[in-house]
């Protein structure tokens, strides 16, 4: 992982992260609505929703733990792997960082 993250990439990440997470949570809430509209007893919907929320709370699209500059690559990889963001969302970051992230996704 990169240890020397440039200031521009770090600032860009910090500015984009809240929007990425908000958009992801909007998507998840739409999925909750579908779950709640299913034609099954209330208890089934309740427990299915409870399980889903428990799982989603650990998703980086909802909560990204230990946000530090030295973890920037890891954060971006998590967001990509959980489909919180797409590769196009890396536009604006340095070429070096984008290439490294895409290499890791394709080779690891």
N, C-alpha and C. Protein backbone atom coordinates (compact mmCIF):
# COMPACT_ATOMS: atom_id res chain seq x y z
N UNK A 1 0.84 -1.19 0.00
CA UNK A 1 0.00 0.00 0.00
C UNK A 1 0.88 1.25 0.00
N UNK A 2 0.34 2.29 -0.57
CA UNK A 2 1.07 3.56 -0.55
C UNK A 2 1.17 4.08 0.87
N UNK A 3 2.32 4.46 1.25
CA UNK A 3 2.50 5.06 2.57
C UNK A 3 2.51 6.58 2.44
N UNK A 4 2.96 7.07 1.32
CA UNK A 4 3.09 8.50 1.12
C UNK A 4 1.96 8.98 0.20
N UNK A 5 0.78 9.13 0.76
CA UNK A 5 -0.38 9.58 -0.01
C UNK A 5 -0.27 11.09 -0.21
N UNK A 6 -0.45 11.51 -1.45
CA UNK A 6 -0.32 12.94 -1.66
C UNK A 6 -1.53 13.70 -1.09
N UNK A 7 -1.30 14.93 -0.76
CA UNK A 7 -2.30 15.76 -0.08
C UNK A 7 -3.56 15.93 -0.93
N UNK A 8 -3.40 16.07 -2.24
CA UNK A 8 -4.55 16.25 -3.12
C UNK A 8 -5.47 15.02 -3.07
N UNK A 9 -4.89 13.82 -3.16
CA UNK A 9 -5.69 12.60 -3.11
C UNK A 9 -6.41 12.48 -1.76
N UNK A 10 -5.71 12.78 -0.68
CA UNK A 10 -6.30 12.67 0.64
C UNK A 10 -7.47 13.64 0.80
N UNK A 11 -7.26 14.89 0.39
CA UNK A 11 -8.34 15.89 0.50
C UNK A 11 -9.53 15.52 -0.38
N UNK A 12 -9.25 15.01 -1.58
CA UNK A 12 -10.33 14.60 -2.48
C UNK A 12 -11.12 13.45 -1.87
N UNK A 13 -10.43 12.48 -1.31
CA UNK A 13 -11.10 11.36 -0.67
C UNK A 13 -11.99 11.85 0.48
N UNK A 14 -11.43 12.68 1.33
CA UNK A 14 -12.19 13.18 2.48
C UNK A 14 -13.41 13.99 2.04
N UNK A 15 -13.32 14.68 0.93
CA UNK A 15 -14.46 15.46 0.45
C UNK A 15 -15.52 14.57 -0.21
N UNK A 16 -15.10 13.49 -0.85
CA UNK A 16 -16.04 12.62 -1.57
C UNK A 16 -16.70 11.56 -0.69
N UNK A 17 -16.01 11.12 0.34
CA UNK A 17 -16.51 10.02 1.16
C UNK A 17 -17.92 10.25 1.70
N UNK A 18 -18.24 11.38 2.30
CA UNK A 18 -19.61 11.56 2.82
C UNK A 18 -20.68 11.44 1.72
N UNK A 19 -20.42 11.96 0.55
CA UNK A 19 -21.38 11.86 -0.56
C UNK A 19 -21.53 10.45 -1.05
N UNK A 20 -20.43 9.72 -1.15
CA UNK A 20 -20.49 8.32 -1.56
C UNK A 20 -21.31 7.51 -0.57
N UNK A 21 -21.07 7.75 0.71
CA UNK A 21 -21.80 6.99 1.73
C UNK A 21 -23.28 7.37 1.74
N UNK A 22 -23.58 8.63 1.58
CA UNK A 22 -24.97 9.07 1.56
C UNK A 22 -25.71 8.44 0.38
N UNK A 23 -25.08 8.43 -0.79
CA UNK A 23 -25.71 7.82 -1.98
C UNK A 23 -25.91 6.32 -1.77
N UNK A 24 -24.93 5.66 -1.16
CA UNK A 24 -25.06 4.24 -0.90
C UNK A 24 -26.21 3.97 0.07
N UNK A 25 -26.31 4.77 1.11
CA UNK A 25 -27.38 4.57 2.08
C UNK A 25 -28.75 4.82 1.46
N UNK A 26 -28.85 5.76 0.53
CA UNK A 26 -30.12 5.97 -0.20
C UNK A 26 -30.49 4.70 -0.97
N UNK A 27 -29.50 4.09 -1.61
CA UNK A 27 -29.74 2.85 -2.36
C UNK A 27 -30.21 1.74 -1.41
N UNK A 28 -29.55 1.63 -0.27
CA UNK A 28 -29.91 0.59 0.70
C UNK A 28 -31.32 0.82 1.23
N UNK A 29 -31.68 2.05 1.49
CA UNK A 29 -33.02 2.36 1.99
C UNK A 29 -34.08 1.97 0.97
N UNK A 30 -33.81 2.17 -0.31
CA UNK A 30 -34.74 1.73 -1.35
C UNK A 30 -34.90 0.21 -1.31
N UNK A 31 -33.81 -0.50 -1.05
CA UNK A 31 -33.89 -1.95 -0.92
C UNK A 31 -34.69 -2.35 0.31
N UNK A 32 -34.58 -1.59 1.39
CA UNK A 32 -35.38 -1.85 2.59
C UNK A 32 -36.87 -1.68 2.28
N UNK A 33 -37.19 -0.66 1.50
CA UNK A 33 -38.60 -0.43 1.15
C UNK A 33 -39.17 -1.63 0.40
N UNK A 34 -38.39 -2.18 -0.52
CA UNK A 34 -38.83 -3.36 -1.27
C UNK A 34 -39.04 -4.52 -0.31
N UNK A 35 -38.11 -4.70 0.61
CA UNK A 35 -38.22 -5.76 1.60
C UNK A 35 -39.51 -5.59 2.41
N UNK A 36 -39.82 -4.36 2.81
CA UNK A 36 -41.00 -4.11 3.64
C UNK A 36 -42.31 -4.23 2.87
N UNK A 37 -42.24 -4.08 1.55
CA UNK A 37 -43.45 -4.18 0.73
C UNK A 37 -43.78 -5.62 0.33
N UNK A 38 -42.93 -6.56 0.73
CA UNK A 38 -43.20 -7.96 0.39
C UNK A 38 -44.48 -8.42 1.09
N UNK A 39 -45.14 -9.34 0.46
CA UNK A 39 -46.39 -9.85 1.01
C UNK A 39 -46.17 -10.98 1.99
N UNK A 40 -45.62 -10.68 3.11
CA UNK A 40 -45.42 -11.69 4.14
C UNK A 40 -45.80 -11.08 5.49
N UNK A 41 -45.91 -11.89 6.51
CA UNK A 41 -46.30 -11.37 7.83
C UNK A 41 -45.31 -10.31 8.33
N UNK A 42 -45.82 -9.41 9.14
CA UNK A 42 -45.01 -8.32 9.69
C UNK A 42 -43.79 -8.85 10.42
N UNK A 43 -43.95 -9.93 11.16
CA UNK A 43 -42.81 -10.46 11.92
C UNK A 43 -41.68 -10.90 10.98
N UNK A 44 -42.03 -11.51 9.87
CA UNK A 44 -41.01 -11.92 8.91
C UNK A 44 -40.27 -10.73 8.33
N UNK A 45 -41.02 -9.70 7.98
CA UNK A 45 -40.41 -8.48 7.43
C UNK A 45 -39.52 -7.82 8.48
N UNK A 46 -40.02 -7.78 9.72
CA UNK A 46 -39.26 -7.15 10.79
C UNK A 46 -37.91 -7.82 10.98
N UNK A 47 -37.91 -9.15 11.10
CA UNK A 47 -36.66 -9.86 11.36
C UNK A 47 -35.74 -9.85 10.14
N UNK A 48 -36.29 -9.87 8.96
CA UNK A 48 -35.46 -9.77 7.76
C UNK A 48 -34.80 -8.39 7.70
N UNK A 49 -35.56 -7.36 8.03
CA UNK A 49 -35.01 -6.01 8.04
C UNK A 49 -33.95 -5.87 9.13
N UNK A 50 -34.21 -6.42 10.29
CA UNK A 50 -33.24 -6.37 11.39
C UNK A 50 -31.92 -7.01 10.96
N UNK A 51 -31.98 -8.17 10.35
CA UNK A 51 -30.77 -8.86 9.90
C UNK A 51 -30.05 -8.04 8.84
N UNK A 52 -30.80 -7.49 7.92
CA UNK A 52 -30.20 -6.70 6.85
C UNK A 52 -29.51 -5.46 7.40
N UNK A 53 -30.14 -4.78 8.34
CA UNK A 53 -29.53 -3.59 8.93
C UNK A 53 -28.26 -3.95 9.69
N UNK A 54 -28.29 -5.05 10.43
CA UNK A 54 -27.08 -5.50 11.14
C UNK A 54 -25.92 -5.71 10.17
N UNK A 55 -26.21 -6.35 9.06
CA UNK A 55 -25.17 -6.61 8.05
C UNK A 55 -24.71 -5.30 7.40
N UNK A 56 -25.66 -4.44 7.05
CA UNK A 56 -25.32 -3.21 6.36
C UNK A 56 -24.53 -2.23 7.22
N UNK A 57 -24.72 -2.28 8.52
CA UNK A 57 -23.99 -1.36 9.40
C UNK A 57 -22.48 -1.60 9.36
N UNK A 58 -22.07 -2.78 8.94
CA UNK A 58 -20.64 -3.10 8.86
C UNK A 58 -20.07 -2.81 7.47
N UNK A 59 -20.90 -2.41 6.54
CA UNK A 59 -20.49 -2.13 5.17
C UNK A 59 -19.79 -0.76 5.12
N UNK A 60 -18.69 -0.64 4.36
CA UNK A 60 -18.00 0.65 4.28
C UNK A 60 -18.85 1.75 3.63
N UNK A 61 -19.92 1.36 2.96
CA UNK A 61 -20.82 2.37 2.41
C UNK A 61 -21.61 3.07 3.49
N UNK A 62 -21.67 2.46 4.66
CA UNK A 62 -22.38 3.03 5.80
C UNK A 62 -21.38 3.55 6.83
N UNK A 63 -20.40 2.74 7.14
CA UNK A 63 -19.42 3.09 8.16
C UNK A 63 -18.04 2.64 7.70
N UNK A 64 -17.15 3.58 7.58
CA UNK A 64 -15.77 3.26 7.23
C UNK A 64 -14.93 3.52 8.47
N UNK A 65 -14.39 2.45 9.01
CA UNK A 65 -13.64 2.55 10.27
C UNK A 65 -12.20 2.98 10.03
N UNK A 66 -11.64 3.62 11.03
CA UNK A 66 -10.22 3.95 11.05
C UNK A 66 -9.79 4.70 9.80
N UNK A 67 -10.48 5.79 9.50
CA UNK A 67 -10.18 6.58 8.31
C UNK A 67 -8.89 7.36 8.55
N UNK A 68 -7.84 6.87 7.92
CA UNK A 68 -6.53 7.50 8.03
C UNK A 68 -5.89 7.59 6.66
N UNK A 69 -5.04 8.55 6.52
CA UNK A 69 -4.34 8.75 5.26
C UNK A 69 -3.60 7.48 4.83
N UNK A 70 -2.95 6.81 5.76
CA UNK A 70 -2.18 5.60 5.41
C UNK A 70 -3.08 4.45 4.96
N UNK A 71 -4.38 4.55 5.21
CA UNK A 71 -5.33 3.50 4.80
C UNK A 71 -6.11 3.87 3.54
N UNK A 72 -5.71 4.92 2.86
CA UNK A 72 -6.48 5.40 1.71
C UNK A 72 -6.72 4.32 0.67
N UNK A 73 -5.70 3.59 0.29
CA UNK A 73 -5.88 2.54 -0.71
C UNK A 73 -6.85 1.47 -0.22
N UNK A 74 -6.70 1.07 1.02
CA UNK A 74 -7.59 0.06 1.59
C UNK A 74 -9.02 0.56 1.58
N UNK A 75 -9.23 1.81 1.96
CA UNK A 75 -10.58 2.38 1.95
C UNK A 75 -11.18 2.35 0.55
N UNK A 76 -10.41 2.79 -0.43
CA UNK A 76 -10.91 2.81 -1.80
C UNK A 76 -11.21 1.40 -2.30
N UNK A 77 -10.36 0.45 -1.97
CA UNK A 77 -10.59 -0.93 -2.37
C UNK A 77 -11.86 -1.49 -1.72
N UNK A 78 -12.06 -1.20 -0.46
CA UNK A 78 -13.29 -1.66 0.22
C UNK A 78 -14.52 -1.05 -0.45
N UNK A 79 -14.47 0.23 -0.72
CA UNK A 79 -15.62 0.89 -1.33
C UNK A 79 -15.92 0.31 -2.72
N UNK A 80 -14.89 0.00 -3.46
CA UNK A 80 -15.08 -0.60 -4.78
C UNK A 80 -15.60 -2.03 -4.67
N UNK A 81 -15.04 -2.81 -3.78
CA UNK A 81 -15.45 -4.22 -3.65
C UNK A 81 -16.88 -4.36 -3.14
N UNK A 82 -17.32 -3.44 -2.31
CA UNK A 82 -18.69 -3.47 -1.81
C UNK A 82 -19.66 -2.72 -2.74
N UNK A 83 -19.15 -2.28 -3.88
CA UNK A 83 -19.93 -1.58 -4.90
C UNK A 83 -20.59 -0.31 -4.37
N UNK A 84 -19.87 0.35 -3.45
CA UNK A 84 -20.30 1.66 -2.97
C UNK A 84 -19.94 2.70 -4.02
N UNK A 85 -18.79 2.50 -4.65
CA UNK A 85 -18.35 3.36 -5.74
C UNK A 85 -17.97 2.48 -6.93
N UNK A 86 -17.81 3.14 -8.07
CA UNK A 86 -17.39 2.46 -9.30
C UNK A 86 -16.00 3.01 -9.69
N UNK A 87 -15.29 2.30 -10.56
CA UNK A 87 -13.97 2.82 -10.97
C UNK A 87 -14.02 4.26 -11.49
N UNK A 88 -15.11 4.64 -12.15
CA UNK A 88 -15.22 6.03 -12.63
C UNK A 88 -15.18 7.04 -11.49
N UNK A 89 -15.56 6.62 -10.30
CA UNK A 89 -15.53 7.52 -9.15
C UNK A 89 -14.11 7.87 -8.73
N UNK A 90 -13.13 7.18 -9.26
CA UNK A 90 -11.73 7.48 -8.96
C UNK A 90 -11.18 8.60 -9.82
N UNK A 91 -11.96 9.06 -10.80
CA UNK A 91 -11.52 10.18 -11.62
C UNK A 91 -11.25 11.38 -10.72
N UNK A 92 -10.16 12.04 -10.97
CA UNK A 92 -9.76 13.18 -10.16
C UNK A 92 -8.62 12.84 -9.21
N UNK A 93 -8.50 11.56 -8.87
CA UNK A 93 -7.38 11.13 -8.05
C UNK A 93 -6.14 11.01 -8.94
N UNK A 94 -4.98 10.98 -8.33
CA UNK A 94 -3.75 10.91 -9.11
C UNK A 94 -3.71 9.65 -9.96
N UNK A 95 -3.04 9.75 -11.07
CA UNK A 95 -2.89 8.62 -11.99
C UNK A 95 -2.24 7.43 -11.27
N UNK A 96 -1.23 7.71 -10.48
CA UNK A 96 -0.53 6.65 -9.74
C UNK A 96 -1.48 5.89 -8.82
N UNK A 97 -2.31 6.59 -8.08
CA UNK A 97 -3.25 5.95 -7.16
C UNK A 97 -4.29 5.14 -7.92
N UNK A 98 -4.85 5.72 -8.97
CA UNK A 98 -5.85 4.99 -9.76
C UNK A 98 -5.27 3.72 -10.35
N UNK A 99 -4.08 3.81 -10.92
CA UNK A 99 -3.46 2.63 -11.52
C UNK A 99 -3.19 1.56 -10.47
N UNK A 100 -2.72 1.97 -9.31
CA UNK A 100 -2.42 0.99 -8.24
C UNK A 100 -3.70 0.31 -7.79
N UNK A 101 -4.76 1.07 -7.58
CA UNK A 101 -6.03 0.50 -7.13
C UNK A 101 -6.56 -0.49 -8.17
N UNK A 102 -6.55 -0.09 -9.43
CA UNK A 102 -7.07 -0.97 -10.48
C UNK A 102 -6.19 -2.22 -10.63
N UNK A 103 -4.88 -2.08 -10.47
CA UNK A 103 -4.00 -3.24 -10.54
C UNK A 103 -4.35 -4.22 -9.42
N UNK A 104 -4.53 -3.72 -8.23
CA UNK A 104 -4.86 -4.59 -7.09
C UNK A 104 -6.21 -5.29 -7.34
N UNK A 105 -7.20 -4.55 -7.82
CA UNK A 105 -8.50 -5.16 -8.09
C UNK A 105 -8.42 -6.28 -9.12
N UNK A 106 -7.59 -6.08 -10.10
CA UNK A 106 -7.48 -7.06 -11.19
C UNK A 106 -6.57 -8.24 -10.87
N UNK A 107 -5.65 -8.08 -9.92
CA UNK A 107 -4.62 -9.09 -9.69
C UNK A 107 -4.63 -9.74 -8.31
N UNK A 108 -5.42 -9.26 -7.43
CA UNK A 108 -5.40 -9.83 -6.07
C UNK A 108 -6.72 -10.48 -5.77
